[in-house]
C-alpha cells in the first residue's frame, strides 16, 4: 500500500506542477518579476544563459529541499514530491528549452499532433513581446484549439 501512496503523491505533484508553472508564468514572470523573464521574450543578448533560467533553478532548489527533508527528517512523502517536481522540471526543460526553443539541437523533426499543438500555443505566447496581453501560460497542457489543423 505504501507504493500506491508514493506513486499517487508523485503523479499528483507532477500534474500540480503544470498549474504551478501556469500560475508562476502568468502572475509572477509576467508580473512583478518580469525583469527576470523579459530576456526570454526580447532577445537582447547573445549568450546562452538567460535571467529567466533563475526560475528553473528556484524549482530545482525546492526539489532538492524535498530530497533533504526525506533523507534527514524521514518525511516519506517529501521524496515523491521532490521527484515529481524534478520529473516535471525535466519534462518542461525537454519540451520548452530543447524542443521548442532549440537550445540544444534535438527533436527538430518531431511533428506529431501534440508537438504541433504545443509549438503553436507557445508561438502565440511569444508573439507578445511585453508582459501584458499574454496568453497560453501553461506548458504541457494547452487549449485544445491549438491541436486542430
N, C-alpha and C. Protein backbone atom coordinates (compact mmCIF):
# COMPACT_ATOMS: atom_id res chain seq x y z
N UNK A 1 0.83 -1.20 0.00
CA UNK A 1 0.00 0.00 0.00
C UNK A 1 0.87 1.26 0.00
N UNK A 2 2.04 1.20 0.63
CA UNK A 2 2.95 2.35 0.68
C UNK A 2 3.33 2.78 -0.74
N UNK A 3 3.59 1.82 -1.64
CA UNK A 3 3.98 2.14 -3.01
C UNK A 3 2.84 2.87 -3.72
N UNK A 4 1.62 2.46 -3.48
CA UNK A 4 0.46 3.13 -4.08
C UNK A 4 0.43 4.61 -3.69
N UNK A 5 0.61 4.91 -2.42
CA UNK A 5 0.60 6.31 -1.96
C UNK A 5 1.79 7.08 -2.53
N UNK A 6 2.93 6.42 -2.61
CA UNK A 6 4.13 7.04 -3.15
C UNK A 6 3.88 7.45 -4.60
N UNK A 7 3.32 6.54 -5.39
CA UNK A 7 3.03 6.82 -6.80
C UNK A 7 1.95 7.90 -6.92
N UNK A 8 0.94 7.82 -6.09
CA UNK A 8 -0.14 8.82 -6.10
C UNK A 8 0.41 10.23 -5.81
N UNK A 9 1.26 10.34 -4.79
CA UNK A 9 1.84 11.65 -4.45
C UNK A 9 2.73 12.15 -5.58
N UNK A 10 3.53 11.25 -6.17
CA UNK A 10 4.39 11.62 -7.29
C UNK A 10 3.57 12.17 -8.45
N UNK A 11 2.53 11.43 -8.87
CA UNK A 11 1.71 11.85 -10.00
C UNK A 11 0.94 13.14 -9.70
N UNK A 12 0.40 13.24 -8.48
CA UNK A 12 -0.31 14.47 -8.10
C UNK A 12 0.63 15.67 -8.15
N UNK A 13 1.86 15.49 -7.67
CA UNK A 13 2.84 16.58 -7.70
C UNK A 13 3.17 16.96 -9.13
N UNK A 14 3.43 15.96 -9.98
CA UNK A 14 3.76 16.24 -11.37
C UNK A 14 2.66 17.06 -12.03
N UNK A 15 1.41 16.64 -11.88
CA UNK A 15 0.31 17.37 -12.52
C UNK A 15 0.04 18.72 -11.85
N UNK A 16 0.25 18.82 -10.55
CA UNK A 16 0.10 20.10 -9.86
C UNK A 16 1.15 21.10 -10.36
N UNK A 17 2.31 20.61 -10.74
CA UNK A 17 3.37 21.49 -11.23
C UNK A 17 2.98 22.18 -12.53
N UNK A 18 2.12 21.56 -13.34
CA UNK A 18 1.64 22.25 -14.54
C UNK A 18 0.83 23.48 -14.14
N UNK A 19 -0.01 23.35 -13.09
CA UNK A 19 -0.73 24.51 -12.58
C UNK A 19 0.25 25.53 -12.01
N UNK A 20 1.25 25.07 -11.27
CA UNK A 20 2.24 25.99 -10.70
C UNK A 20 3.01 26.73 -11.80
N UNK A 21 3.36 26.00 -12.87
CA UNK A 21 4.06 26.63 -13.99
C UNK A 21 3.17 27.71 -14.62
N UNK A 22 1.89 27.37 -14.83
CA UNK A 22 0.96 28.34 -15.39
C UNK A 22 0.84 29.56 -14.48
N UNK A 23 0.60 29.33 -13.18
CA UNK A 23 0.43 30.42 -12.22
C UNK A 23 1.69 31.28 -12.14
N UNK A 24 2.84 30.64 -11.99
CA UNK A 24 4.11 31.37 -11.89
C UNK A 24 4.36 32.17 -13.16
N UNK A 25 4.12 31.55 -14.30
CA UNK A 25 4.37 32.23 -15.57
C UNK A 25 3.44 33.43 -15.75
N UNK A 26 2.16 33.25 -15.46
CA UNK A 26 1.20 34.33 -15.68
C UNK A 26 1.32 35.47 -14.67
N UNK A 27 1.42 35.13 -13.40
CA UNK A 27 1.33 36.16 -12.35
C UNK A 27 2.67 36.60 -11.78
N UNK A 28 3.69 35.82 -11.93
CA UNK A 28 5.00 36.21 -11.38
C UNK A 28 5.95 36.61 -12.50
N UNK A 29 6.14 35.72 -13.50
CA UNK A 29 7.05 36.04 -14.60
C UNK A 29 6.53 37.20 -15.45
N UNK A 30 5.23 37.22 -15.69
CA UNK A 30 4.64 38.33 -16.44
C UNK A 30 4.08 39.37 -15.48
N UNK A 31 4.49 39.31 -14.26
CA UNK A 31 4.08 40.26 -13.23
C UNK A 31 5.29 40.94 -12.63
N UNK A 32 5.43 40.82 -11.31
CA UNK A 32 6.45 41.60 -10.61
C UNK A 32 7.89 41.14 -10.87
N UNK A 33 8.09 39.95 -11.44
CA UNK A 33 9.45 39.51 -11.80
C UNK A 33 9.67 39.49 -13.32
N UNK A 34 8.95 40.36 -14.02
CA UNK A 34 9.12 40.48 -15.46
C UNK A 34 10.58 40.79 -15.81
N UNK A 35 11.26 41.52 -14.94
CA UNK A 35 12.67 41.87 -15.21
C UNK A 35 13.54 40.62 -15.40
N UNK A 36 13.16 39.51 -14.78
CA UNK A 36 13.91 38.27 -14.96
C UNK A 36 13.43 37.48 -16.19
N UNK A 37 12.18 37.65 -16.57
CA UNK A 37 11.60 36.87 -17.66
C UNK A 37 11.70 37.60 -19.01
N UNK A 38 11.90 38.89 -18.97
CA UNK A 38 11.88 39.73 -20.16
C UNK A 38 12.88 39.25 -21.22
N UNK A 39 14.06 38.82 -20.81
CA UNK A 39 15.06 38.42 -21.80
C UNK A 39 14.69 37.14 -22.54
N UNK A 40 13.69 36.45 -22.06
CA UNK A 40 13.19 35.27 -22.76
C UNK A 40 12.27 35.67 -23.92
N UNK A 41 11.58 36.79 -23.79
CA UNK A 41 10.69 37.28 -24.84
C UNK A 41 11.38 38.25 -25.78
N UNK A 42 12.31 39.01 -25.25
CA UNK A 42 13.00 40.02 -26.04
C UNK A 42 14.48 39.66 -26.05
N UNK A 43 14.92 38.99 -27.09
CA UNK A 43 16.30 38.51 -27.15
C UNK A 43 17.26 39.69 -27.33
N UNK A 44 17.59 40.31 -26.20
CA UNK A 44 18.51 41.45 -26.22
C UNK A 44 19.90 41.03 -25.77
N UNK A 45 20.22 39.77 -26.00
CA UNK A 45 21.51 39.24 -25.58
C UNK A 45 21.95 38.18 -26.59
N UNK A 46 23.23 37.85 -26.55
CA UNK A 46 23.75 36.85 -27.49
C UNK A 46 24.27 35.61 -26.77
N UNK A 47 24.08 35.54 -25.47
CA UNK A 47 24.61 34.40 -24.72
C UNK A 47 23.53 33.35 -24.48
N UNK A 48 23.99 32.18 -24.12
CA UNK A 48 23.11 31.03 -23.93
C UNK A 48 22.25 31.17 -22.68
N UNK A 49 22.82 31.68 -21.61
CA UNK A 49 22.13 31.83 -20.32
C UNK A 49 21.16 33.01 -20.39
N UNK A 50 19.98 32.83 -19.80
CA UNK A 50 19.01 33.91 -19.67
C UNK A 50 18.70 34.12 -18.20
N UNK A 51 18.38 35.34 -17.82
CA UNK A 51 17.96 35.60 -16.44
C UNK A 51 16.73 34.75 -16.11
N UNK A 52 15.93 34.48 -17.11
CA UNK A 52 14.74 33.64 -16.98
C UNK A 52 15.07 32.26 -16.41
N UNK A 53 16.28 31.78 -16.62
CA UNK A 53 16.68 30.45 -16.13
C UNK A 53 16.72 30.38 -14.59
N UNK A 54 16.69 31.51 -13.94
CA UNK A 54 16.66 31.52 -12.47
C UNK A 54 15.39 30.86 -11.94
N UNK A 55 14.30 30.90 -12.69
CA UNK A 55 13.07 30.24 -12.26
C UNK A 55 13.27 28.72 -12.22
N UNK A 56 13.99 28.20 -13.18
CA UNK A 56 14.31 26.77 -13.22
C UNK A 56 15.15 26.40 -11.99
N UNK A 57 16.11 27.25 -11.66
CA UNK A 57 16.96 26.99 -10.50
C UNK A 57 16.14 27.02 -9.22
N UNK A 58 15.17 27.93 -9.11
CA UNK A 58 14.32 28.00 -7.93
C UNK A 58 13.61 26.68 -7.70
N UNK A 59 12.97 26.14 -8.74
CA UNK A 59 12.25 24.88 -8.57
C UNK A 59 13.19 23.71 -8.33
N UNK A 60 14.40 23.77 -8.89
CA UNK A 60 15.39 22.73 -8.60
C UNK A 60 15.75 22.75 -7.11
N UNK A 61 15.88 23.94 -6.55
CA UNK A 61 16.19 24.05 -5.11
C UNK A 61 15.04 23.54 -4.25
N UNK A 62 13.81 23.80 -4.67
CA UNK A 62 12.65 23.27 -3.93
C UNK A 62 12.68 21.74 -3.96
N UNK A 63 12.96 21.17 -5.13
CA UNK A 63 13.05 19.71 -5.27
C UNK A 63 14.16 19.15 -4.37
N UNK A 64 15.31 19.78 -4.39
CA UNK A 64 16.43 19.34 -3.54
C UNK A 64 16.05 19.44 -2.07
N UNK A 65 15.35 20.50 -1.71
CA UNK A 65 14.89 20.65 -0.32
C UNK A 65 13.99 19.49 0.09
N UNK A 66 13.15 19.05 -0.83
CA UNK A 66 12.28 17.89 -0.53
C UNK A 66 13.13 16.63 -0.33
N UNK A 67 14.14 16.43 -1.17
CA UNK A 67 15.02 15.27 -1.00
C UNK A 67 15.70 15.30 0.37
N UNK A 68 16.12 16.49 0.78
CA UNK A 68 16.80 16.62 2.08
C UNK A 68 15.83 16.35 3.23
N UNK A 69 14.59 16.81 3.11
CA UNK A 69 13.58 16.53 4.14
C UNK A 69 13.33 15.03 4.26
N UNK A 70 13.28 14.35 3.13
CA UNK A 70 13.09 12.90 3.15
C UNK A 70 14.29 12.20 3.79
N UNK A 71 15.48 12.62 3.40
CA UNK A 71 16.70 11.94 3.85
C UNK A 71 17.01 12.20 5.33
N UNK A 72 16.90 13.43 5.74
CA UNK A 72 17.35 13.79 7.09
C UNK A 72 16.24 13.94 8.11
N UNK A 73 15.02 14.16 7.66
CA UNK A 73 13.90 14.32 8.59
C UNK A 73 12.92 13.14 8.51
N UNK A 74 13.20 12.20 7.60
CA UNK A 74 12.41 10.98 7.45
C UNK A 74 10.93 11.28 7.17
N UNK A 75 10.70 12.27 6.32
CA UNK A 75 9.34 12.60 5.90
C UNK A 75 9.11 11.86 4.58
N UNK A 76 8.37 10.75 4.62
CA UNK A 76 8.27 9.85 3.47
C UNK A 76 7.75 10.52 2.22
N UNK A 77 6.74 11.40 2.35
CA UNK A 77 6.12 12.00 1.17
C UNK A 77 6.97 13.09 0.53
N UNK A 78 8.02 13.52 1.22
CA UNK A 78 8.91 14.53 0.63
C UNK A 78 9.66 13.97 -0.58
N UNK A 79 9.96 12.67 -0.56
CA UNK A 79 10.67 12.07 -1.70
C UNK A 79 9.80 12.05 -2.96
N UNK A 80 8.58 11.52 -2.92
CA UNK A 80 7.79 11.56 -4.16
C UNK A 80 7.43 12.99 -4.60
N UNK A 81 7.32 13.92 -3.67
CA UNK A 81 7.08 15.32 -4.05
C UNK A 81 8.32 15.86 -4.77
N UNK A 82 9.49 15.63 -4.18
CA UNK A 82 10.74 16.09 -4.80
C UNK A 82 10.94 15.47 -6.17
N UNK A 83 10.64 14.18 -6.30
CA UNK A 83 10.78 13.51 -7.59
C UNK A 83 9.73 14.00 -8.59
N UNK A 84 8.53 14.32 -8.13
CA UNK A 84 7.50 14.86 -9.01
C UNK A 84 7.90 16.23 -9.56
N UNK A 85 8.46 17.08 -8.69
CA UNK A 85 8.94 18.39 -9.13
C UNK A 85 10.08 18.22 -10.11
N UNK A 86 11.01 17.31 -9.80
CA UNK A 86 12.14 17.04 -10.68
C UNK A 86 11.67 16.53 -12.04
N UNK A 87 10.74 15.56 -12.04
CA UNK A 87 10.24 14.99 -13.29
C UNK A 87 9.54 16.06 -14.13
N UNK A 88 8.75 16.93 -13.48
CA UNK A 88 8.10 18.00 -14.23
C UNK A 88 9.14 18.95 -14.80
N UNK A 89 10.14 19.29 -14.00
CA UNK A 89 11.21 20.18 -14.48
C UNK A 89 11.93 19.58 -15.67
N UNK A 90 12.17 18.29 -15.63
CA UNK A 90 12.82 17.61 -16.76
C UNK A 90 11.92 17.64 -17.99
N UNK A 91 10.63 17.38 -17.81
CA UNK A 91 9.68 17.43 -18.93
C UNK A 91 9.59 18.86 -19.48
N UNK A 92 9.51 19.83 -18.60
CA UNK A 92 9.42 21.24 -19.01
C UNK A 92 10.67 21.62 -19.80
N UNK A 93 11.83 21.27 -19.27
CA UNK A 93 13.09 21.60 -19.93
C UNK A 93 13.15 20.93 -21.32
N UNK A 94 12.75 19.67 -21.38
CA UNK A 94 12.77 18.95 -22.65
C UNK A 94 11.84 19.59 -23.67
N UNK A 95 10.62 19.89 -23.26
CA UNK A 95 9.63 20.46 -24.19
C UNK A 95 9.96 21.92 -24.51
N UNK A 96 10.19 22.72 -23.50
CA UNK A 96 10.35 24.16 -23.69
C UNK A 96 11.72 24.54 -24.23
N UNK A 97 12.75 24.13 -23.54
CA UNK A 97 14.10 24.59 -23.90
C UNK A 97 14.72 23.79 -25.05
N UNK A 98 14.50 22.50 -25.07
CA UNK A 98 15.12 21.68 -26.13
C UNK A 98 14.23 21.62 -27.36
N UNK A 99 12.97 21.22 -27.19
CA UNK A 99 12.10 21.02 -28.35
C UNK A 99 11.64 22.34 -28.97
N UNK A 100 11.08 23.25 -28.18
CA UNK A 100 10.52 24.48 -28.74
C UNK A 100 11.59 25.50 -29.09
N UNK A 101 12.44 25.84 -28.12
CA UNK A 101 13.42 26.91 -28.35
C UNK A 101 14.75 26.41 -28.91
N UNK A 102 14.92 25.11 -29.03
CA UNK A 102 16.10 24.52 -29.65
C UNK A 102 17.42 25.02 -29.02
N UNK A 103 17.45 25.09 -27.70
CA UNK A 103 18.69 25.45 -27.02
C UNK A 103 19.73 24.35 -27.20
N UNK A 104 19.26 23.16 -27.41
CA UNK A 104 20.09 22.04 -27.86
C UNK A 104 19.42 21.53 -29.12
N UNK A 105 20.18 21.24 -30.11
CA UNK A 105 19.62 20.87 -31.42
C UNK A 105 19.16 19.41 -31.41
N UNK A 106 17.99 19.19 -30.78
CA UNK A 106 17.41 17.86 -30.71
C UNK A 106 15.91 17.97 -30.98
N UNK A 107 15.30 16.88 -31.35
CA UNK A 107 13.85 16.80 -31.59
C UNK A 107 13.36 17.79 -32.65
N UNK A 108 14.23 18.16 -33.58
CA UNK A 108 13.86 19.13 -34.61
C UNK A 108 12.78 18.61 -35.55
N UNK A 109 12.74 17.31 -35.74
CA UNK A 109 11.82 16.74 -36.71
C UNK A 109 10.54 16.19 -36.09
N UNK A 110 10.36 16.39 -34.79
CA UNK A 110 9.13 15.92 -34.14
C UNK A 110 7.95 16.67 -34.74
N UNK A 111 6.98 15.95 -35.24
CA UNK A 111 5.89 16.61 -35.95
C UNK A 111 4.56 15.89 -35.74
N UNK A 112 4.35 15.30 -34.57
CA UNK A 112 3.07 14.66 -34.31
C UNK A 112 2.05 15.71 -33.84
N UNK A 113 0.81 15.33 -33.65
CA UNK A 113 -0.25 16.29 -33.30
C UNK A 113 0.04 17.04 -32.01
N UNK A 114 0.61 16.36 -31.01
CA UNK A 114 0.91 17.01 -29.74
C UNK A 114 2.03 18.03 -29.93
N UNK A 115 3.08 17.64 -30.63
CA UNK A 115 4.21 18.54 -30.86
C UNK A 115 3.76 19.80 -31.60
N UNK A 116 2.95 19.63 -32.62
CA UNK A 116 2.46 20.80 -33.38
C UNK A 116 1.59 21.70 -32.51
N UNK A 117 0.74 21.11 -31.67
CA UNK A 117 -0.12 21.91 -30.79
C UNK A 117 0.67 22.70 -29.77
N UNK A 118 1.64 22.06 -29.16
CA UNK A 118 2.48 22.75 -28.17
C UNK A 118 3.26 23.88 -28.83
N UNK A 119 3.81 23.60 -30.01
CA UNK A 119 4.56 24.65 -30.74
C UNK A 119 3.66 25.83 -31.08
N UNK A 120 2.45 25.56 -31.58
CA UNK A 120 1.52 26.64 -31.95
C UNK A 120 1.18 27.51 -30.74
N UNK A 121 0.84 26.87 -29.63
CA UNK A 121 0.47 27.62 -28.43
C UNK A 121 1.62 28.47 -27.94
N UNK A 122 2.82 27.92 -27.98
CA UNK A 122 3.98 28.68 -27.49
C UNK A 122 4.32 29.83 -28.44
N UNK A 123 4.14 29.60 -29.72
CA UNK A 123 4.38 30.67 -30.69
C UNK A 123 3.43 31.84 -30.46
N UNK A 124 2.18 31.54 -30.18
CA UNK A 124 1.20 32.59 -29.87
C UNK A 124 1.61 33.31 -28.59
N UNK A 125 2.10 32.56 -27.61
CA UNK A 125 2.55 33.19 -26.36
C UNK A 125 3.68 34.18 -26.65
N UNK A 126 4.62 33.80 -27.49
CA UNK A 126 5.79 34.65 -27.74
C UNK A 126 5.54 35.78 -28.74
N UNK A 127 4.37 35.82 -29.35
CA UNK A 127 4.10 36.95 -30.25
C UNK A 127 3.96 38.25 -29.46
N UNK A 128 3.67 38.13 -28.16
CA UNK A 128 3.59 39.30 -27.28
C UNK A 128 4.98 39.54 -26.68
N UNK A 129 5.58 40.66 -27.00
CA UNK A 129 6.93 40.95 -26.52
C UNK A 129 6.93 41.60 -25.14
N UNK A 130 5.80 42.13 -24.74
CA UNK A 130 5.70 42.76 -23.43
C UNK A 130 5.08 41.84 -22.42
N UNK A 131 4.96 42.31 -21.19
CA UNK A 131 4.41 41.46 -20.14
C UNK A 131 2.88 41.43 -20.15
N UNK A 132 2.25 42.39 -20.80
CA UNK A 132 0.80 42.43 -20.86
C UNK A 132 0.28 41.65 -22.07
N UNK A 133 -1.01 41.38 -22.03
CA UNK A 133 -1.75 40.76 -23.13
C UNK A 133 -1.21 39.38 -23.52
N UNK A 134 -0.61 38.70 -22.59
CA UNK A 134 -0.11 37.36 -22.89
C UNK A 134 -1.21 36.32 -22.89
N UNK A 135 -0.93 35.18 -23.46
CA UNK A 135 -1.85 34.04 -23.44
C UNK A 135 -1.02 32.76 -23.48
N UNK A 136 -1.67 31.65 -23.17
CA UNK A 136 -1.03 30.33 -23.16
C UNK A 136 0.17 30.28 -22.21
N UNK A 137 -0.10 30.36 -20.93
CA UNK A 137 0.97 30.37 -19.95
C UNK A 137 1.37 28.98 -19.47
N UNK A 138 0.59 27.97 -19.80
CA UNK A 138 0.96 26.61 -19.43
C UNK A 138 2.01 26.07 -20.38
N UNK A 139 2.45 24.84 -20.13
CA UNK A 139 3.48 24.27 -21.00
C UNK A 139 3.04 22.94 -21.59
N UNK A 140 2.67 22.00 -20.77
CA UNK A 140 2.36 20.66 -21.26
C UNK A 140 0.88 20.51 -21.61
N UNK A 141 0.04 21.35 -21.00
CA UNK A 141 -1.39 21.31 -21.28
C UNK A 141 -1.78 22.68 -21.82
N UNK A 142 -2.21 22.71 -23.08
CA UNK A 142 -2.60 23.97 -23.71
C UNK A 142 -4.01 23.79 -24.27
N UNK A 143 -4.70 24.88 -24.59
CA UNK A 143 -6.06 24.78 -25.12
C UNK A 143 -6.15 23.86 -26.35
N UNK A 144 -7.25 23.13 -26.43
CA UNK A 144 -7.46 22.16 -27.49
C UNK A 144 -7.39 22.78 -28.89
N UNK A 145 -7.75 24.05 -29.02
CA UNK A 145 -7.78 24.69 -30.33
C UNK A 145 -6.43 24.65 -31.05
N UNK A 146 -5.33 24.54 -30.30
CA UNK A 146 -4.01 24.50 -30.92
C UNK A 146 -3.65 23.12 -31.49
N UNK A 147 -4.48 22.14 -31.19
CA UNK A 147 -4.23 20.79 -31.71
C UNK A 147 -5.03 20.52 -32.98
N UNK A 148 -5.93 21.46 -33.31
CA UNK A 148 -6.71 21.32 -34.54
C UNK A 148 -5.88 21.81 -35.71
N UNK A 149 -6.21 21.35 -36.90
CA UNK A 149 -5.46 21.80 -38.09
C UNK A 149 -5.90 23.16 -38.52
